[in-house]
């Protein structure tokens, strides 16, 4: 990848992490606000619970689509770590084609469902459900693009990174 593309990619990855961190902070603040109103003032409020749930869904799907890297994804490490680079490439290609096919086949139905949900709104904040579920469309598109890229790389002979369980970490 050319240098300017790599720097743009890294910049976008940092911004995606910033957005995820902002969602986590907002979710935490809503949670604290809910506790204060319920147990200090004796006034339970529902919108804080609703915003926490919405942010959690968005945080998980945003993170899976734009923050988590390929090597941080869940896989069968015992099998994956015990095979050579050629077998890892084959496993990557098979996984990529299966996921691309499944997400592509399901995309029209997903899009129809999300579009249909414009008729419903949340109980407290009155946010249309199609806006809330739109993150899933972004997730599906990002996942398809990611696995097209991974399959292309594997077909070109670039094997996915070897997993070393001794060096496993939380990403820090």
Protein backbone atom coordinates (compact mmCIF):
# COMPACT_ATOMS: atom_id res chain seq x y z
CA UNK A 1 0.00 0.00 0.00
CA UNK A 2 1.45 3.42 -0.92
CA UNK A 3 2.60 5.65 1.93
CA UNK A 4 -0.17 8.24 1.61
CA UNK A 5 -2.83 5.50 1.55
CA UNK A 6 -1.32 3.88 4.64
CA UNK A 7 -1.27 7.18 6.53
CA UNK A 8 -4.88 7.90 5.52
CA UNK A 9 -5.86 4.39 6.62
CA UNK A 10 -4.17 4.86 10.00
CA UNK A 11 -5.80 8.27 10.43
CA UNK A 12 -9.26 6.81 9.67
CA UNK A 13 -8.63 3.92 12.08
CA UNK A 14 -7.76 6.39 14.86
CA UNK A 15 -10.93 8.40 14.15
CA UNK A 16 -13.01 5.21 14.31
CA UNK A 17 -11.43 4.46 17.69
CA UNK A 18 -12.21 8.03 18.81
CA UNK A 19 -15.86 7.59 17.85
CA UNK A 20 -16.03 4.27 19.72
CA UNK A 21 -14.44 5.88 22.78
CA UNK A 22 -16.94 8.76 22.63
CA UNK A 23 -19.84 6.28 22.47
CA UNK A 24 -18.43 4.39 25.46
CA UNK A 25 -18.02 7.64 27.43
CA UNK A 26 -21.58 8.74 26.60
CA UNK A 27 -22.92 5.34 27.60
CA UNK A 28 -21.03 5.52 30.90
CA UNK A 29 -22.31 9.03 31.62
CA UNK A 30 -25.90 7.97 30.90
CA UNK A 31 -25.44 5.01 33.22
CA UNK A 32 -24.09 7.21 36.03
CA UNK A 33 -26.89 9.72 35.47
CA UNK A 34 -29.42 6.91 35.72
CA UNK A 35 -27.96 5.77 39.05
CA UNK A 36 -27.89 9.32 40.47
CA UNK A 37 -31.48 10.05 39.48
CA UNK A 38 -32.76 6.72 40.74
CA UNK A 39 -30.91 6.38 44.04
CA UNK A 40 -30.10 9.95 45.02
CA UNK A 41 -33.19 11.81 43.83
CA UNK A 42 -35.62 8.87 43.82
CA UNK A 43 -36.65 9.72 40.27
CA UNK A 44 -36.16 6.80 37.90
CA UNK A 45 -35.72 7.98 34.32
CA UNK A 46 -36.08 5.72 31.33
CA UNK A 47 -34.29 7.61 28.60
CA UNK A 48 -30.89 6.90 30.17
CA UNK A 49 -31.49 3.17 29.93
CA UNK A 50 -32.67 3.57 26.35
CA UNK A 51 -29.62 5.60 25.32
CA UNK A 52 -27.31 3.09 27.03
CA UNK A 53 -28.81 0.20 25.07
CA UNK A 54 -28.68 2.15 21.80
CA UNK A 55 -25.06 3.14 22.37
CA UNK A 56 -24.13 -0.42 23.30
CA UNK A 57 -25.55 -1.79 20.04
CA UNK A 58 -23.84 0.95 18.04
CA UNK A 59 -20.56 0.50 19.93
CA UNK A 60 -20.42 -3.25 19.30
CA UNK A 61 -21.26 -3.02 15.61
CA UNK A 62 -19.14 0.09 15.00
CA UNK A 63 -16.20 -1.57 16.72
CA UNK A 64 -16.62 -4.80 14.78
CA UNK A 65 -16.90 -2.92 11.49
CA UNK A 66 -14.24 -0.22 11.86
CA UNK A 67 -12.05 -0.72 14.94
CA UNK A 68 -11.24 -4.42 15.34
CA UNK A 69 -8.44 -5.62 13.07
CA UNK A 70 -8.33 -8.98 11.35
CA UNK A 71 -5.82 -10.39 13.81
CA UNK A 72 -8.06 -9.38 16.75
CA UNK A 73 -11.04 -11.34 15.44
CA UNK A 74 -12.11 -14.56 17.10
CA UNK A 75 -10.90 -17.75 15.43
CA UNK A 76 -10.10 -21.34 16.31
CA UNK A 77 -6.59 -20.57 17.51
CA UNK A 78 -5.63 -24.17 18.22
CA UNK A 79 -6.19 -25.16 14.60
CA UNK A 80 -5.19 -21.84 13.05
CA UNK A 81 -1.96 -21.56 15.02
CA UNK A 82 -0.85 -25.10 14.27
CA UNK A 83 -0.90 -24.85 10.46
CA UNK A 84 1.48 -23.25 8.01
CA UNK A 85 1.03 -20.11 5.95
CA UNK A 86 -0.45 -21.98 2.96
CA UNK A 87 -3.17 -23.57 5.07
CA UNK A 88 -3.87 -20.20 6.75
CA UNK A 89 -4.31 -18.65 3.30
CA UNK A 90 -6.76 -21.40 2.29
CA UNK A 91 -8.66 -21.02 5.57
CA UNK A 92 -8.79 -17.26 5.02
CA UNK A 93 -10.09 -17.64 1.46
CA UNK A 94 -12.77 -20.16 2.47
CA UNK A 95 -13.87 -18.05 5.43
CA UNK A 96 -13.92 -14.90 3.31
CA UNK A 97 -16.00 -16.46 0.52
CA UNK A 98 -18.50 -17.95 2.98
CA UNK A 99 -18.93 -14.67 4.88
CA UNK A 100 -19.11 -12.58 1.71
CA UNK A 101 -21.78 -14.92 0.33
CA UNK A 102 -23.84 -15.00 3.53
CA UNK A 103 -23.75 -11.25 4.10
CA UNK A 104 -24.42 -10.52 0.42
CA UNK A 105 -27.39 -12.91 0.31
CA UNK A 106 -28.85 -11.46 3.49
CA UNK A 107 -28.23 -7.80 2.57
CA UNK A 108 -31.46 -7.16 0.60
CA UNK A 109 -33.58 -8.53 3.44
CA UNK A 110 -31.57 -6.57 6.01
CA UNK A 111 -31.98 -3.38 4.00
CA UNK A 112 -35.72 -3.97 3.61
CA UNK A 113 -36.12 -4.61 7.35
CA UNK A 114 -34.16 -1.53 8.36
CA UNK A 115 -36.11 0.57 5.86
CA UNK A 116 -39.40 -0.84 7.13
CA UNK A 117 -38.55 0.04 10.74
CA UNK A 118 -39.04 3.75 10.00
CA UNK A 119 -42.62 3.20 11.21
CA UNK A 120 -41.49 2.50 14.79
CA UNK A 121 -39.88 4.86 17.32
CA UNK A 122 -38.18 4.32 20.66
CA UNK A 123 -40.30 4.73 23.78
CA UNK A 124 -38.56 7.68 25.44
CA UNK A 125 -36.39 9.46 22.90
CA UNK A 126 -38.74 8.90 19.93
CA UNK A 127 -35.83 7.99 17.64
CA UNK A 128 -36.90 6.12 14.52
CA UNK A 129 -35.74 2.51 14.55
CA UNK A 130 -34.43 2.71 10.99
CA UNK A 131 -31.87 5.26 12.24
CA UNK A 132 -30.94 3.00 15.12
CA UNK A 133 -30.62 -0.12 12.99
CA UNK A 134 -28.72 1.65 10.20
CA UNK A 135 -25.46 0.76 11.94
CA UNK A 136 -26.08 -2.85 10.95
CA UNK A 137 -26.10 -1.87 7.27
CA UNK A 138 -22.74 -0.13 7.76
CA UNK A 139 -21.47 -3.21 9.59
CA UNK A 140 -22.51 -5.55 6.77
CA UNK A 141 -20.97 -3.35 4.07
CA UNK A 142 -17.73 -2.91 6.02
CA UNK A 143 -17.54 -6.66 6.69
CA UNK A 144 -18.05 -7.52 3.03
CA UNK A 145 -15.38 -5.02 1.97
CA UNK A 146 -12.98 -6.29 4.64
CA UNK A 147 -13.35 -9.91 3.56
CA UNK A 148 -13.05 -9.06 -0.12
CA UNK A 149 -9.73 -7.39 0.76
CA UNK A 150 -8.59 -10.34 2.91
CA UNK A 151 -9.52 -12.87 0.21
CA UNK A 152 -7.72 -10.80 -2.42
CA UNK A 153 -4.62 -10.62 -0.24
CA UNK A 154 -4.72 -14.37 0.44
CA UNK A 155 -5.18 -15.19 -3.26
CA UNK A 156 -2.18 -12.98 -4.06
CA UNK A 157 -0.09 -15.10 -1.70
CA UNK A 158 -0.13 -12.93 1.41
CA UNK A 159 -0.88 -15.25 4.32
CA UNK A 160 -2.70 -13.92 7.38
CA UNK A 161 -0.45 -13.32 10.36
CA UNK A 162 0.55 -16.38 12.29
CA UNK A 163 -1.08 -16.52 15.71
CA UNK A 164 1.28 -16.99 18.63
CA UNK A 165 -0.71 -17.78 21.80
CA UNK A 166 2.31 -16.90 23.92
CA UNK A 167 2.13 -13.34 22.66
CA UNK A 168 -1.66 -12.99 22.94
CA UNK A 169 -2.75 -9.77 24.54
CA UNK A 170 -5.74 -7.51 24.97
CA UNK A 171 -4.59 -5.33 22.09
CA UNK A 172 -2.59 -2.92 24.21
